[in-house]
All heavy atoms as atom14 arrays in JSON, in Angstrom:
{
  "sequence": "LSDLHFVPERNAYCRLDDHGDIDKVVRIVTFPDKGDE",
  "atom14_mask": [
    [1, 1, 1, 1, 1, 1, 1, 1, 0, 0, 0, 0, 0, 0],
    [1, 1, 1, 1, 1, 1, 0, 0, 0, 0, 0, 0, 0, 0],
    [1, 1, 1, 1, 1, 1, 1, 1, 0, 0, 0, 0, 0, 0],
    [1, 1, 1, 1, 1, 1, 1, 1, 0, 0, 0, 0, 0, 0],
    [1, 1, 1, 1, 1, 1, 1, 1, 1, 1, 0, 0, 0, 0],
    [1, 1, 1, 1, 1, 1, 1, 1, 1, 1, 1, 0, 0, 0],
    [1, 1, 1, 1, 1, 1, 1, 0, 0, 0, 0, 0, 0, 0],
    [1, 1, 1, 1, 1, 1, 1, 0, 0, 0, 0, 0, 0, 0],
    [1, 1, 1, 1, 1, 1, 1, 1, 1, 0, 0, 0, 0, 0],
    [1, 1, 1, 1, 1, 1, 1, 1, 1, 1, 1, 0, 0, 0],
    [1, 1, 1, 1, 1, 1, 1, 1, 0, 0, 0, 0, 0, 0],
    [1, 1, 1, 1, 1, 0, 0, 0, 0, 0, 0, 0, 0, 0],
    [1, 1, 1, 1, 1, 1, 1, 1, 1, 1, 1, 1, 0, 0],
    [1, 1, 1, 1, 1, 1, 0, 0, 0, 0, 0, 0, 0, 0],
    [1, 1, 1, 1, 1, 1, 1, 1, 1, 1, 1, 0, 0, 0],
    [1, 1, 1, 1, 1, 1, 1, 1, 0, 0, 0, 0, 0, 0],
    [1, 1, 1, 1, 1, 1, 1, 1, 0, 0, 0, 0, 0, 0],
    [1, 1, 1, 1, 1, 1, 1, 1, 0, 0, 0, 0, 0, 0],
    [1, 1, 1, 1, 1, 1, 1, 1, 1, 1, 0, 0, 0, 0],
    [1, 1, 1, 1, 0, 0, 0, 0, 0, 0, 0, 0, 0, 0],
    [1, 1, 1, 1, 1, 1, 1, 1, 0, 0, 0, 0, 0, 0],
    [1, 1, 1, 1, 1, 1, 1, 1, 0, 0, 0, 0, 0, 0],
    [1, 1, 1, 1, 1, 1, 1, 1, 0, 0, 0, 0, 0, 0],
    [1, 1, 1, 1, 1, 1, 1, 1, 1, 0, 0, 0, 0, 0],
    [1, 1, 1, 1, 1, 1, 1, 0, 0, 0, 0, 0, 0, 0],
    [1, 1, 1, 1, 1, 1, 1, 0, 0, 0, 0, 0, 0, 0],
    [1, 1, 1, 1, 1, 1, 1, 1, 1, 1, 1, 0, 0, 0],
    [1, 1, 1, 1, 1, 1, 1, 1, 0, 0, 0, 0, 0, 0],
    [1, 1, 1, 1, 1, 1, 1, 0, 0, 0, 0, 0, 0, 0],
    [1, 1, 1, 1, 1, 1, 1, 0, 0, 0, 0, 0, 0, 0],
    [1, 1, 1, 1, 1, 1, 1, 1, 1, 1, 1, 0, 0, 0],
    [1, 1, 1, 1, 1, 1, 1, 0, 0, 0, 0, 0, 0, 0],
    [1, 1, 1, 1, 1, 1, 1, 1, 0, 0, 0, 0, 0, 0],
    [1, 1, 1, 1, 1, 1, 1, 1, 1, 0, 0, 0, 0, 0],
    [1, 1, 1, 1, 0, 0, 0, 0, 0, 0, 0, 0, 0, 0],
    [1, 1, 1, 1, 1, 1, 1, 1, 0, 0, 0, 0, 0, 0],
    [1, 1, 1, 1, 1, 1, 1, 1, 1, 0, 0, 0, 0, 0]
  ],
  "atom14_positions": [
    [[0.82, -1.22, 0.0], [0.0, 0.01, 0.0], [0.85, 1.26, 0.0], [0.42, 2.31, -0.49], [-0.94, 0.01, 1.21], [-2.06, -1.04, 1.19], [-2.87, -0.99, 2.48], [-2.98, -0.82, -0.01], [0.0, 0.0, 0.0], [0.0, 0.0, 0.0], [0.0, 0.0, 0.0], [0.0, 0.0, 0.0], [0.0, 0.0, 0.0], [0.0, 0.0, 0.0]],
    [[2.06, 1.16, 0.52], [2.98, 2.31, 0.56], [3.89, 2.36, -0.66], [4.75, 3.24, -0.75], [3.81, 2.27, 1.85], [3.02, 2.23, 2.99], [0.0, 0.0, 0.0], [0.0, 0.0, 0.0], [0.0, 0.0, 0.0], [0.0, 0.0, 0.0], [0.0, 0.0, 0.0], [0.0, 0.0, 0.0], [0.0, 0.0, 0.0], [0.0, 0.0, 0.0]],
    [[3.72, 1.41, -1.58], [4.52, 1.32, -2.8], [6.01, 1.25, -2.48], [6.85, 1.98, -3.04], [4.24, 2.52, -3.71], [4.83, 2.33, -5.12], [5.04, 1.14, -5.52], [5.09, 3.34, -5.78], [0.0, 0.0, 0.0], [0.0, 0.0, 0.0], [0.0, 0.0, 0.0], [0.0, 0.0, 0.0], [0.0, 0.0, 0.0], [0.0, 0.0, 0.0]],
    [[6.36, 0.34, -1.57], [7.75, 0.18, -1.15], [8.38, -1.05, -1.78], [7.68, -2.02, -2.13], [7.84, 0.05, 0.38], [7.27, 1.2, 1.2], [7.45, 0.92, 2.68], [7.9, 2.53, 0.83], [0.0, 0.0, 0.0], [0.0, 0.0, 0.0], [0.0, 0.0, 0.0], [0.0, 0.0, 0.0], [0.0, 0.0, 0.0], [0.0, 0.0, 0.0]],
    [[9.7, -1.01, -1.94], [10.45, -2.12, -2.52], [11.74, -2.28, -1.73], [12.4, -1.27, -1.38], [10.78, -1.85, -3.99], [9.54, -1.59, -4.83], [8.85, -2.58, -5.47], [8.86, -0.42, -5.06], [7.8, -2.06, -6.1], [7.8, -0.75, -5.87], [0.0, 0.0, 0.0], [0.0, 0.0, 0.0], [0.0, 0.0, 0.0], [0.0, 0.0, 0.0]],
    [[12.1, -3.52, -1.44], [13.33, -3.74, -0.67], [14.53, -3.56, -1.58], [14.64, -4.17, -2.65], [13.35, -5.14, -0.06], [14.53, -5.35, 0.85], [14.6, -4.71, 2.08], [15.58, -6.16, 0.47], [15.68, -4.87, 2.92], [16.67, -6.35, 1.31], [16.72, -5.69, 2.54], [0.0, 0.0, 0.0], [0.0, 0.0, 0.0], [0.0, 0.0, 0.0]],
    [[15.46, -2.71, -1.15], [16.69, -2.44, -1.91], [17.85, -3.0, -1.08], [18.21, -2.4, -0.06], [16.87, -0.93, -2.16], [18.16, -0.69, -2.95], [15.65, -0.37, -2.9], [0.0, 0.0, 0.0], [0.0, 0.0, 0.0], [0.0, 0.0, 0.0], [0.0, 0.0, 0.0], [0.0, 0.0, 0.0], [0.0, 0.0, 0.0], [0.0, 0.0, 0.0]],
    [[18.42, -4.14, -1.47], [19.43, -4.82, -0.63], [20.63, -3.95, -0.29], [21.12, -3.97, 0.84], [19.83, -6.03, -1.48], [18.66, -6.28, -2.38], [18.08, -4.93, -2.68], [0.0, 0.0, 0.0], [0.0, 0.0, 0.0], [0.0, 0.0, 0.0], [0.0, 0.0, 0.0], [0.0, 0.0, 0.0], [0.0, 0.0, 0.0], [0.0, 0.0, 0.0]],
    [[21.13, -3.18, -1.28], [22.33, -2.4, -1.03], [22.11, -1.27, -0.02], [23.06, -0.73, 0.57], [22.91, -1.81, -2.32], [21.97, -0.88, -3.07], [21.09, -1.58, -4.09], [20.86, -2.81, -3.93], [20.64, -0.94, -5.03], [0.0, 0.0, 0.0], [0.0, 0.0, 0.0], [0.0, 0.0, 0.0], [0.0, 0.0, 0.0], [0.0, 0.0, 0.0]],
    [[20.87, -0.92, 0.23], [20.54, 0.1, 1.24], [19.93, -0.52, 2.49], [19.7, 0.18, 3.48], [19.59, 1.14, 0.65], [20.18, 1.92, -0.51], [19.18, 2.88, -1.11], [19.72, 3.53, -2.3], [20.26, 4.75, -2.28], [20.35, 5.43, -1.15], [20.72, 5.28, -3.41], [0.0, 0.0, 0.0], [0.0, 0.0, 0.0], [0.0, 0.0, 0.0]],
    [[19.68, -1.82, 2.44], [19.05, -2.55, 3.54], [17.81, -1.78, 4.05], [17.66, -1.55, 5.25], [20.04, -2.78, 4.69], [19.66, -4.0, 5.53], [19.02, -4.94, 5.04], [20.03, -4.0, 6.78], [0.0, 0.0, 0.0], [0.0, 0.0, 0.0], [0.0, 0.0, 0.0], [0.0, 0.0, 0.0], [0.0, 0.0, 0.0], [0.0, 0.0, 0.0]],
    [[16.96, -1.42, 3.1], [15.81, -0.6, 3.43], [14.69, -0.86, 2.42], [14.93, -1.29, 1.29], [16.17, 0.88, 3.45], [0.0, 0.0, 0.0], [0.0, 0.0, 0.0], [0.0, 0.0, 0.0], [0.0, 0.0, 0.0], [0.0, 0.0, 0.0], [0.0, 0.0, 0.0], [0.0, 0.0, 0.0], [0.0, 0.0, 0.0], [0.0, 0.0, 0.0]],
    [[13.46, -0.59, 2.88], [12.33, -0.6, 1.96], [12.15, 0.84, 1.45], [12.0, 1.78, 2.25], [11.06, -1.06, 2.7], [11.05, -2.54, 2.98], [11.67, -3.05, 4.12], [10.44, -3.45, 2.11], [11.67, -4.42, 4.4], [10.44, -4.8, 2.37], [11.05, -5.28, 3.52], [11.04, -6.63, 3.78], [0.0, 0.0, 0.0], [0.0, 0.0, 0.0]],
    [[12.21, 0.97, 0.14], [12.32, 2.31, -0.46], [11.27, 2.6, -1.5], [10.57, 1.69, -2.01], [13.7, 2.46, -1.13], [15.12, 2.06, -0.08], [0.0, 0.0, 0.0], [0.0, 0.0, 0.0], [0.0, 0.0, 0.0], [0.0, 0.0, 0.0], [0.0, 0.0, 0.0], [0.0, 0.0, 0.0], [0.0, 0.0, 0.0], [0.0, 0.0, 0.0]],
    [[11.13, 3.88, -1.83], [10.33, 4.33, -2.96], [10.98, 5.61, -3.46], [11.88, 6.16, -2.83], [8.88, 4.57, -2.56], [8.67, 5.65, -1.5], [7.22, 5.69, -1.05], [6.98, 6.66, 0.01], [5.84, 6.75, 0.71], [4.86, 5.92, 0.46], [5.7, 7.66, 1.65], [0.0, 0.0, 0.0], [0.0, 0.0, 0.0], [0.0, 0.0, 0.0]],
    [[10.51, 6.09, -4.6], [11.06, 7.34, -5.14], [10.3, 8.52, -4.54], [9.08, 8.48, -4.41], [10.92, 7.36, -6.66], [11.73, 6.28, -7.42], [11.47, 6.42, -8.93], [13.2, 6.37, -7.11], [0.0, 0.0, 0.0], [0.0, 0.0, 0.0], [0.0, 0.0, 0.0], [0.0, 0.0, 0.0], [0.0, 0.0, 0.0], [0.0, 0.0, 0.0]],
    [[11.05, 9.58, -4.2], [10.39, 10.78, -3.68], [9.96, 11.68, -4.85], [10.07, 11.31, -6.01], [11.3, 11.52, -2.7], [12.58, 12.04, -3.34], [12.66, 12.12, -4.59], [13.52, 12.38, -2.59], [0.0, 0.0, 0.0], [0.0, 0.0, 0.0], [0.0, 0.0, 0.0], [0.0, 0.0, 0.0], [0.0, 0.0, 0.0], [0.0, 0.0, 0.0]],
    [[9.49, 12.86, -4.53], [8.96, 13.78, -5.55], [10.04, 14.23, -6.53], [9.73, 14.72, -7.63], [8.33, 15.0, -4.89], [7.09, 14.64, -4.07], [6.5, 13.58, -4.37], [6.73, 15.41, -3.17], [0.0, 0.0, 0.0], [0.0, 0.0, 0.0], [0.0, 0.0, 0.0], [0.0, 0.0, 0.0], [0.0, 0.0, 0.0], [0.0, 0.0, 0.0]],
    [[11.32, 14.09, -6.16], [12.42, 14.51, -7.0], [13.05, 13.33, -7.75], [14.04, 13.5, -8.45], [13.5, 15.21, -6.17], [12.99, 16.41, -5.4], [12.65, 17.59, -5.99], [12.72, 16.54, -4.09], [12.21, 18.44, -5.07], [12.24, 17.83, -3.9], [0.0, 0.0, 0.0], [0.0, 0.0, 0.0], [0.0, 0.0, 0.0], [0.0, 0.0, 0.0]],
    [[12.47, 12.14, -7.57], [13.01, 10.97, -8.25], [14.18, 10.33, -7.53], [14.85, 9.46, -8.09], [0.0, 0.0, 0.0], [0.0, 0.0, 0.0], [0.0, 0.0, 0.0], [0.0, 0.0, 0.0], [0.0, 0.0, 0.0], [0.0, 0.0, 0.0], [0.0, 0.0, 0.0], [0.0, 0.0, 0.0], [0.0, 0.0, 0.0], [0.0, 0.0, 0.0]],
    [[14.44, 10.75, -6.3], [15.54, 10.16, -5.52], [15.02, 9.02, -4.65], [13.83, 8.97, -4.3], [16.17, 11.25, -4.6], [16.82, 12.37, -5.4], [17.4, 12.07, -6.48], [16.72, 13.54, -4.96], [0.0, 0.0, 0.0], [0.0, 0.0, 0.0], [0.0, 0.0, 0.0], [0.0, 0.0, 0.0], [0.0, 0.0, 0.0], [0.0, 0.0, 0.0]],
    [[15.91, 8.12, -4.28], [15.57, 7.0, -3.43], [15.23, 7.51, -2.03], [16.01, 8.22, -1.41], [16.73, 5.96, -3.34], [16.97, 5.34, -4.72], [16.42, 4.9, -2.31], [15.85, 4.42, -5.18], [0.0, 0.0, 0.0], [0.0, 0.0, 0.0], [0.0, 0.0, 0.0], [0.0, 0.0, 0.0], [0.0, 0.0, 0.0], [0.0, 0.0, 0.0]],
    [[14.07, 7.12, -1.53], [13.63, 7.51, -0.21], [13.54, 6.25, 0.66], [12.73, 5.36, 0.39], [12.25, 8.19, -0.3], [11.8, 8.78, 1.01], [12.64, 8.94, 1.92], [10.6, 9.1, 1.13], [0.0, 0.0, 0.0], [0.0, 0.0, 0.0], [0.0, 0.0, 0.0], [0.0, 0.0, 0.0], [0.0, 0.0, 0.0], [0.0, 0.0, 0.0]],
    [[14.38, 6.17, 1.7], [14.4, 4.99, 2.57], [13.31, 5.14, 3.65], [13.5, 5.79, 4.65], [15.79, 4.84, 3.22], [16.89, 4.56, 2.22], [18.23, 4.31, 2.87], [18.81, 5.57, 3.47], [20.2, 5.35, 3.97], [0.0, 0.0, 0.0], [0.0, 0.0, 0.0], [0.0, 0.0, 0.0], [0.0, 0.0, 0.0], [0.0, 0.0, 0.0]],
    [[12.18, 4.52, 3.38], [11.02, 4.69, 4.25], [11.14, 3.79, 5.48], [10.85, 4.22, 6.6], [9.72, 4.35, 3.5], [8.51, 4.4, 4.45], [9.51, 5.34, 2.35], [0.0, 0.0, 0.0], [0.0, 0.0, 0.0], [0.0, 0.0, 0.0], [0.0, 0.0, 0.0], [0.0, 0.0, 0.0], [0.0, 0.0, 0.0], [0.0, 0.0, 0.0]],
    [[11.56, 2.56, 5.29], [11.81, 1.64, 6.41], [13.27, 1.28, 6.4], [13.76, 0.67, 5.44], [10.95, 0.36, 6.31], [11.25, -0.58, 7.48], [9.47, 0.7, 6.26], [0.0, 0.0, 0.0], [0.0, 0.0, 0.0], [0.0, 0.0, 0.0], [0.0, 0.0, 0.0], [0.0, 0.0, 0.0], [0.0, 0.0, 0.0], [0.0, 0.0, 0.0]],
    [[13.99, 1.65, 7.46], [15.42, 1.37, 7.55], [15.68, 0.19, 8.51], [15.1, 0.15, 9.59], [16.18, 2.58, 8.03], [16.2, 3.73, 7.04], [17.33, 4.7, 7.41], [17.12, 5.34, 8.72], [18.11, 5.83, 9.45], [19.36, 5.74, 9.05], [17.84, 6.43, 10.62], [0.0, 0.0, 0.0], [0.0, 0.0, 0.0], [0.0, 0.0, 0.0]],
    [[16.52, -0.71, 8.09], [16.94, -1.83, 8.93], [18.43, -1.62, 9.22], [19.27, -1.81, 8.33], [16.7, -3.18, 8.25], [15.22, -3.31, 7.87], [17.12, -4.34, 9.15], [14.89, -4.54, 7.02], [0.0, 0.0, 0.0], [0.0, 0.0, 0.0], [0.0, 0.0, 0.0], [0.0, 0.0, 0.0], [0.0, 0.0, 0.0], [0.0, 0.0, 0.0]],
    [[18.74, -1.22, 10.42], [20.09, -0.83, 10.77], [20.66, -1.84, 11.76], [20.1, -2.05, 12.84], [20.14, 0.58, 11.38], [21.57, 1.0, 11.69], [19.46, 1.59, 10.44], [0.0, 0.0, 0.0], [0.0, 0.0, 0.0], [0.0, 0.0, 0.0], [0.0, 0.0, 0.0], [0.0, 0.0, 0.0], [0.0, 0.0, 0.0], [0.0, 0.0, 0.0]],
    [[21.79, -2.43, 11.39], [22.45, -3.42, 12.24], [23.71, -2.83, 12.84], [24.56, -2.31, 12.12], [22.79, -4.69, 11.46], [21.57, -5.25, 10.92], [23.46, -5.73, 12.35], [0.0, 0.0, 0.0], [0.0, 0.0, 0.0], [0.0, 0.0, 0.0], [0.0, 0.0, 0.0], [0.0, 0.0, 0.0], [0.0, 0.0, 0.0], [0.0, 0.0, 0.0]],
    [[23.82, -2.91, 14.13], [25.0, -2.44, 14.85], [25.85, -3.65, 15.26], [25.36, -4.53, 15.95], [24.61, -1.65, 16.1], [23.84, -0.4, 15.82], [22.46, -0.37, 15.94], [24.49, 0.75, 15.41], [21.74, 0.8, 15.67], [23.8, 1.93, 15.15], [22.41, 1.94, 15.28], [0.0, 0.0, 0.0], [0.0, 0.0, 0.0], [0.0, 0.0, 0.0]],
    [[27.11, -3.71, 14.81], [27.98, -4.84, 15.2], [28.43, -4.73, 16.64], [28.38, -3.64, 17.25], [29.16, -4.7, 14.22], [29.23, -3.23, 13.93], [27.8, -2.74, 13.93], [0.0, 0.0, 0.0], [0.0, 0.0, 0.0], [0.0, 0.0, 0.0], [0.0, 0.0, 0.0], [0.0, 0.0, 0.0], [0.0, 0.0, 0.0], [0.0, 0.0, 0.0]],
    [[28.82, -5.86, 17.21], [29.41, -5.83, 18.54], [30.67, -4.96, 18.52], [31.44, -5.0, 17.55], [29.78, -7.24, 19.01], [28.55, -8.1, 19.21], [27.45, -7.56, 19.21], [28.71, -9.32, 19.36], [0.0, 0.0, 0.0], [0.0, 0.0, 0.0], [0.0, 0.0, 0.0], [0.0, 0.0, 0.0], [0.0, 0.0, 0.0], [0.0, 0.0, 0.0]],
    [[30.88, -4.22, 19.56], [32.05, -3.34, 19.61], [32.6, -3.33, 21.03], [32.04, -2.69, 21.93], [31.67, -1.92, 19.18], [32.85, -0.94, 19.09], [32.38, 0.41, 18.61], [33.54, 1.39, 18.51], [33.09, 2.72, 18.05], [0.0, 0.0, 0.0], [0.0, 0.0, 0.0], [0.0, 0.0, 0.0], [0.0, 0.0, 0.0], [0.0, 0.0, 0.0]],
    [[33.7, -4.05, 21.24], [34.28, -4.12, 22.58], [33.3, -4.74, 23.56], [32.77, -5.84, 23.35], [0.0, 0.0, 0.0], [0.0, 0.0, 0.0], [0.0, 0.0, 0.0], [0.0, 0.0, 0.0], [0.0, 0.0, 0.0], [0.0, 0.0, 0.0], [0.0, 0.0, 0.0], [0.0, 0.0, 0.0], [0.0, 0.0, 0.0], [0.0, 0.0, 0.0]],
    [[33.04, -4.0, 24.65], [32.07, -4.47, 25.64], [30.63, -4.13, 25.26], [29.71, -4.47, 25.99], [32.39, -3.84, 27.01], [33.74, -4.33, 27.56], [34.14, -5.44, 27.19], [34.36, -3.57, 28.33], [0.0, 0.0, 0.0], [0.0, 0.0, 0.0], [0.0, 0.0, 0.0], [0.0, 0.0, 0.0], [0.0, 0.0, 0.0], [0.0, 0.0, 0.0]],
    [[30.45, -3.46, 24.12], [29.13, -3.05, 23.72], [28.52, -4.05, 22.75], [29.11, -4.33, 21.69], [29.19, -1.66, 23.04], [27.85, -1.1, 22.64], [27.96, 0.27, 22.01], [29.0, 0.92, 22.22], [27.03, 0.67, 21.33], [0.0, 0.0, 0.0], [0.0, 0.0, 0.0], [0.0, 0.0, 0.0], [0.0, 0.0, 0.0], [0.0, 0.0, 0.0]]
  ]
}
């Protein structure tokens, strides 16, 4: 319904905005382990 498409290289569900640019509507962000974090 939101006209989204998964774009692997951006790890996001995207669509084109009014200027024809990629708009990352749903972002999937992975944080790697870092030291004690």
